[in-house]
Amino acid sequence: MWSVFDVSKQEQEILRIEHEAGVSGFWDDYQNAQNVMQELGKLKETVSVWREFQRDVEATLDLVNLSIDEHDNSFESQLEEDVARLNRLMSQQEVLLTLSGNMMTDQLY
């Protein structure tokens, strides 16, 4: 599912940058430090969005499994809405990744 964006890799990068920001002398080059912190903010926002998307997908899958286990079709309309919403969110994120230039080769697969 996460073949386009490696969330774990981005979380590792967040930890690396946070560690770097705590090193003595980091703020000596204010411009560089500011650029690094802006990148950190972008990474955190992106990871947050993808983790939230992951939770939404998992919740939808739980509902699918419940519906199957209970042989209950009453969840069908809710599932259709959830899947449509998730598709819209995925499309939006794909566009944002493309426009922001974050779909770099090292993040694929």
N, C-alpha and C. Protein backbone atom coordinates (compact mmCIF):
# COMPACT_ATOMS: atom_id res chain seq x y z
N MET A 1 0.81 -1.20 0.00
CA MET A 1 0.00 0.00 0.00
C MET A 1 0.86 1.26 0.00
N TRP A 2 1.97 1.23 0.68
CA TRP A 2 2.81 2.42 0.79
C TRP A 2 3.95 2.38 -0.22
N SER A 3 3.70 1.85 -1.40
CA SER A 3 4.77 1.70 -2.37
C SER A 3 5.25 3.02 -2.95
N VAL A 4 4.43 4.05 -2.92
CA VAL A 4 4.84 5.33 -3.49
C VAL A 4 5.59 6.16 -2.46
N PHE A 5 5.20 6.04 -1.21
CA PHE A 5 5.78 6.89 -0.18
C PHE A 5 6.20 6.03 0.99
N ASP A 6 7.48 6.00 1.29
CA ASP A 6 8.01 5.18 2.38
C ASP A 6 7.94 5.98 3.68
N VAL A 7 6.84 5.79 4.41
CA VAL A 7 6.60 6.54 5.64
C VAL A 7 7.67 6.24 6.67
N SER A 8 8.05 5.00 6.81
CA SER A 8 9.07 4.63 7.80
C SER A 8 10.39 5.34 7.52
N LYS A 9 10.74 5.44 6.25
CA LYS A 9 11.97 6.14 5.87
C LYS A 9 11.87 7.62 6.26
N GLN A 10 10.71 8.21 6.05
CA GLN A 10 10.52 9.61 6.39
C GLN A 10 10.54 9.81 7.91
N GLU A 11 10.00 8.85 8.66
CA GLU A 11 10.06 8.94 10.13
C GLU A 11 11.50 8.84 10.61
N GLN A 12 12.31 8.02 9.97
CA GLN A 12 13.73 7.94 10.31
C GLN A 12 14.43 9.26 10.01
N GLU A 13 14.06 9.88 8.90
CA GLU A 13 14.64 11.18 8.54
C GLU A 13 14.26 12.24 9.56
N ILE A 14 13.03 12.19 10.05
CA ILE A 14 12.59 13.12 11.10
C ILE A 14 13.46 12.96 12.33
N LEU A 15 13.67 11.72 12.76
CA LEU A 15 14.52 11.47 13.93
C LEU A 15 15.94 11.96 13.70
N ARG A 16 16.46 11.74 12.49
CA ARG A 16 17.82 12.19 12.18
C ARG A 16 17.93 13.71 12.27
N ILE A 17 16.95 14.40 11.70
CA ILE A 17 16.97 15.86 11.72
C ILE A 17 16.80 16.38 13.14
N GLU A 18 15.91 15.77 13.91
CA GLU A 18 15.72 16.19 15.30
C GLU A 18 17.01 16.02 16.10
N HIS A 19 17.71 14.92 15.85
CA HIS A 19 19.00 14.71 16.52
C HIS A 19 20.00 15.77 16.08
N GLU A 20 20.05 16.02 14.78
CA GLU A 20 20.97 17.02 14.22
C GLU A 20 20.69 18.40 14.83
N ALA A 21 19.42 18.72 15.01
CA ALA A 21 19.05 20.03 15.55
C ALA A 21 19.48 20.19 17.01
N GLY A 22 19.70 19.08 17.69
CA GLY A 22 20.13 19.15 19.08
C GLY A 22 21.63 19.19 19.27
N VAL A 23 22.37 19.05 18.19
CA VAL A 23 23.83 19.05 18.26
C VAL A 23 24.33 20.47 18.47
N SER A 24 25.33 20.59 19.32
CA SER A 24 25.94 21.89 19.57
C SER A 24 26.43 22.50 18.26
N GLY A 25 26.12 23.75 18.05
CA GLY A 25 26.56 24.46 16.86
C GLY A 25 25.57 24.43 15.71
N PHE A 26 24.50 23.66 15.86
CA PHE A 26 23.51 23.56 14.78
C PHE A 26 22.98 24.93 14.39
N TRP A 27 22.71 25.76 15.38
CA TRP A 27 22.09 27.07 15.12
C TRP A 27 23.11 28.15 14.77
N ASP A 28 24.39 27.79 14.72
CA ASP A 28 25.41 28.78 14.35
C ASP A 28 25.19 29.30 12.93
N ASP A 29 24.79 28.43 12.04
CA ASP A 29 24.43 28.83 10.68
C ASP A 29 22.91 28.93 10.65
N TYR A 30 22.41 30.12 11.01
CA TYR A 30 20.97 30.30 11.19
C TYR A 30 20.18 29.98 9.93
N GLN A 31 20.67 30.42 8.78
CA GLN A 31 19.94 30.19 7.53
C GLN A 31 19.80 28.69 7.25
N ASN A 32 20.90 27.96 7.40
CA ASN A 32 20.85 26.51 7.20
C ASN A 32 19.93 25.86 8.22
N ALA A 33 20.04 26.27 9.47
CA ALA A 33 19.20 25.70 10.52
C ALA A 33 17.73 25.95 10.22
N GLN A 34 17.42 27.14 9.76
CA GLN A 34 16.04 27.48 9.43
C GLN A 34 15.54 26.60 8.27
N ASN A 35 16.37 26.40 7.26
CA ASN A 35 15.99 25.54 6.14
C ASN A 35 15.75 24.10 6.60
N VAL A 36 16.63 23.62 7.46
CA VAL A 36 16.49 22.26 7.98
C VAL A 36 15.20 22.13 8.79
N MET A 37 14.89 23.12 9.61
CA MET A 37 13.68 23.07 10.43
C MET A 37 12.42 23.17 9.57
N GLN A 38 12.48 23.92 8.48
CA GLN A 38 11.34 23.97 7.56
C GLN A 38 11.13 22.60 6.92
N GLU A 39 12.21 21.96 6.53
CA GLU A 39 12.12 20.62 5.97
C GLU A 39 11.54 19.65 7.00
N LEU A 40 11.97 19.79 8.24
CA LEU A 40 11.44 18.95 9.32
C LEU A 40 9.93 19.13 9.45
N GLY A 41 9.48 20.36 9.41
CA GLY A 41 8.04 20.64 9.50
C GLY A 41 7.27 20.00 8.36
N LYS A 42 7.81 20.09 7.16
CA LYS A 42 7.16 19.48 5.99
C LYS A 42 7.10 17.96 6.13
N LEU A 43 8.20 17.38 6.57
CA LEU A 43 8.23 15.92 6.76
C LEU A 43 7.20 15.48 7.79
N LYS A 44 7.14 16.20 8.90
CA LYS A 44 6.18 15.83 9.96
C LYS A 44 4.75 15.93 9.45
N GLU A 45 4.45 16.97 8.71
CA GLU A 45 3.09 17.14 8.17
C GLU A 45 2.76 16.01 7.20
N THR A 46 3.69 15.70 6.32
CA THR A 46 3.46 14.65 5.33
C THR A 46 3.26 13.30 6.00
N VAL A 47 4.11 12.98 6.96
CA VAL A 47 3.98 11.70 7.67
C VAL A 47 2.66 11.65 8.43
N SER A 48 2.28 12.75 9.03
CA SER A 48 1.01 12.80 9.77
C SER A 48 -0.17 12.51 8.85
N VAL A 49 -0.17 13.12 7.68
CA VAL A 49 -1.25 12.90 6.71
C VAL A 49 -1.31 11.43 6.30
N TRP A 50 -0.15 10.84 5.99
CA TRP A 50 -0.13 9.44 5.54
C TRP A 50 -0.49 8.48 6.67
N ARG A 51 -0.06 8.77 7.89
CA ARG A 51 -0.43 7.90 9.03
C ARG A 51 -1.94 7.99 9.29
N GLU A 52 -2.50 9.17 9.17
CA GLU A 52 -3.95 9.32 9.33
C GLU A 52 -4.68 8.55 8.24
N PHE A 53 -4.19 8.64 7.03
CA PHE A 53 -4.77 7.88 5.92
C PHE A 53 -4.70 6.38 6.21
N GLN A 54 -3.58 5.94 6.72
CA GLN A 54 -3.41 4.53 7.06
C GLN A 54 -4.43 4.11 8.11
N ARG A 55 -4.63 4.92 9.15
CA ARG A 55 -5.63 4.60 10.18
C ARG A 55 -7.03 4.53 9.57
N ASP A 56 -7.34 5.45 8.66
CA ASP A 56 -8.66 5.43 8.00
C ASP A 56 -8.86 4.16 7.18
N VAL A 57 -7.82 3.75 6.47
CA VAL A 57 -7.90 2.52 5.67
C VAL A 57 -8.11 1.32 6.59
N GLU A 58 -7.36 1.28 7.67
CA GLU A 58 -7.49 0.16 8.61
C GLU A 58 -8.89 0.12 9.23
N ALA A 59 -9.45 1.28 9.56
CA ALA A 59 -10.81 1.32 10.12
C ALA A 59 -11.82 0.83 9.09
N THR A 60 -11.64 1.21 7.85
CA THR A 60 -12.54 0.75 6.78
C THR A 60 -12.42 -0.76 6.60
N LEU A 61 -11.20 -1.26 6.63
CA LEU A 61 -11.01 -2.71 6.52
C LEU A 61 -11.64 -3.46 7.69
N ASP A 62 -11.56 -2.88 8.88
CA ASP A 62 -12.22 -3.48 10.04
C ASP A 62 -13.73 -3.56 9.81
N LEU A 63 -14.29 -2.50 9.25
CA LEU A 63 -15.72 -2.49 8.95
C LEU A 63 -16.07 -3.54 7.89
N VAL A 64 -15.23 -3.68 6.90
CA VAL A 64 -15.43 -4.72 5.88
C VAL A 64 -15.43 -6.10 6.54
N ASN A 65 -14.44 -6.35 7.36
CA ASN A 65 -14.35 -7.65 8.03
C ASN A 65 -15.53 -7.91 8.95
N LEU A 66 -15.97 -6.88 9.66
CA LEU A 66 -17.15 -7.03 10.52
C LEU A 66 -18.38 -7.37 9.69
N SER A 67 -18.53 -6.67 8.58
CA SER A 67 -19.66 -6.92 7.69
C SER A 67 -19.64 -8.35 7.17
N ILE A 68 -18.47 -8.83 6.81
CA ILE A 68 -18.33 -10.20 6.31
C ILE A 68 -18.60 -11.21 7.42
N ASP A 69 -17.97 -10.98 8.58
CA ASP A 69 -18.14 -11.91 9.70
C ASP A 69 -19.59 -12.02 10.16
N GLU A 70 -20.28 -10.89 10.14
CA GLU A 70 -21.66 -10.85 10.63
C GLU A 70 -22.68 -11.11 9.52
N HIS A 71 -22.20 -11.28 8.30
CA HIS A 71 -23.10 -11.44 7.15
C HIS A 71 -24.14 -10.31 7.14
N ASP A 72 -23.62 -9.10 7.36
CA ASP A 72 -24.49 -7.93 7.52
C ASP A 72 -24.21 -6.94 6.39
N ASN A 73 -25.18 -6.76 5.52
CA ASN A 73 -25.03 -5.83 4.40
C ASN A 73 -25.40 -4.39 4.76
N SER A 74 -25.79 -4.17 6.00
CA SER A 74 -26.22 -2.82 6.38
C SER A 74 -25.05 -1.82 6.37
N PHE A 75 -23.83 -2.33 6.36
CA PHE A 75 -22.65 -1.46 6.33
C PHE A 75 -22.30 -1.02 4.91
N GLU A 76 -22.98 -1.57 3.93
CA GLU A 76 -22.60 -1.36 2.53
C GLU A 76 -22.53 0.11 2.14
N SER A 77 -23.54 0.89 2.49
CA SER A 77 -23.52 2.31 2.09
C SER A 77 -22.40 3.06 2.80
N GLN A 78 -22.15 2.72 4.07
CA GLN A 78 -21.04 3.36 4.80
C GLN A 78 -19.71 2.99 4.16
N LEU A 79 -19.57 1.75 3.78
CA LEU A 79 -18.33 1.30 3.14
C LEU A 79 -18.11 2.00 1.80
N GLU A 80 -19.17 2.15 1.03
CA GLU A 80 -19.05 2.85 -0.26
C GLU A 80 -18.61 4.29 -0.05
N GLU A 81 -19.18 4.94 0.96
CA GLU A 81 -18.78 6.33 1.27
C GLU A 81 -17.32 6.38 1.70
N ASP A 82 -16.94 5.44 2.58
CA ASP A 82 -15.56 5.42 3.07
C ASP A 82 -14.56 5.19 1.94
N VAL A 83 -14.85 4.25 1.07
CA VAL A 83 -13.95 3.95 -0.04
C VAL A 83 -13.86 5.15 -0.99
N ALA A 84 -14.98 5.79 -1.27
CA ALA A 84 -14.96 6.97 -2.15
C ALA A 84 -14.13 8.09 -1.51
N ARG A 85 -14.30 8.29 -0.21
CA ARG A 85 -13.53 9.33 0.50
C ARG A 85 -12.04 9.00 0.49
N LEU A 86 -11.71 7.74 0.74
CA LEU A 86 -10.31 7.33 0.72
C LEU A 86 -9.69 7.49 -0.67
N ASN A 87 -10.45 7.18 -1.69
CA ASN A 87 -9.96 7.38 -3.07
C ASN A 87 -9.69 8.85 -3.35
N ARG A 88 -10.60 9.72 -2.89
CA ARG A 88 -10.39 11.17 -3.08
C ARG A 88 -9.13 11.63 -2.34
N LEU A 89 -8.98 11.18 -1.10
CA LEU A 89 -7.81 11.56 -0.31
C LEU A 89 -6.52 11.08 -0.97
N MET A 90 -6.53 9.86 -1.46
CA MET A 90 -5.34 9.31 -2.12
C MET A 90 -5.01 10.11 -3.37
N SER A 91 -6.01 10.44 -4.14
CA SER A 91 -5.78 11.25 -5.35
C SER A 91 -5.21 12.61 -4.99
N GLN A 92 -5.76 13.24 -3.95
CA GLN A 92 -5.26 14.54 -3.52
C GLN A 92 -3.80 14.45 -3.10
N GLN A 93 -3.46 13.41 -2.34
CA GLN A 93 -2.08 13.26 -1.88
C GLN A 93 -1.12 12.97 -3.03
N GLU A 94 -1.57 12.21 -4.00
CA GLU A 94 -0.72 11.95 -5.17
C GLU A 94 -0.43 13.24 -5.91
N VAL A 95 -1.44 14.08 -6.07
CA VAL A 95 -1.25 15.37 -6.74
C VAL A 95 -0.30 16.24 -5.93
N LEU A 96 -0.51 16.31 -4.62
CA LEU A 96 0.36 17.13 -3.77
C LEU A 96 1.80 16.65 -3.82
N LEU A 97 1.99 15.34 -3.79
CA LEU A 97 3.35 14.81 -3.87
C LEU A 97 4.01 15.18 -5.19
N THR A 98 3.26 15.05 -6.26
CA THR A 98 3.79 15.37 -7.57
C THR A 98 4.13 16.85 -7.68
N LEU A 99 3.22 17.70 -7.24
CA LEU A 99 3.43 19.14 -7.33
C LEU A 99 4.55 19.63 -6.42
N SER A 100 4.71 18.99 -5.27
CA SER A 100 5.73 19.45 -4.33
C SER A 100 7.12 18.90 -4.67
N GLY A 101 7.17 17.97 -5.61
CA GLY A 101 8.46 17.40 -5.97
C GLY A 101 8.94 16.35 -5.00
N ASN A 102 8.07 15.88 -4.11
CA ASN A 102 8.47 14.89 -3.12
C ASN A 102 8.47 13.47 -3.65
N MET A 103 7.98 13.25 -4.87
CA MET A 103 8.00 11.91 -5.43
C MET A 103 9.35 11.68 -6.08
N MET A 104 10.36 11.59 -5.26
CA MET A 104 11.71 11.42 -5.76
C MET A 104 12.00 9.93 -5.90
N THR A 105 12.95 9.62 -6.72
CA THR A 105 13.29 8.23 -7.01
C THR A 105 13.60 7.43 -5.76
N ASP A 106 14.29 8.02 -4.79
CA ASP A 106 14.67 7.27 -3.60
C ASP A 106 13.48 6.99 -2.68
N GLN A 107 12.32 7.57 -2.95
CA GLN A 107 11.15 7.31 -2.14
C GLN A 107 10.22 6.29 -2.78
N LEU A 108 10.54 5.87 -3.98
CA LEU A 108 9.69 4.89 -4.64
C LEU A 108 10.02 3.50 -4.12
N TYR A 109 9.00 2.74 -3.82
CA TYR A 109 9.10 1.36 -3.36
C TYR A 109 9.98 1.22 -2.19
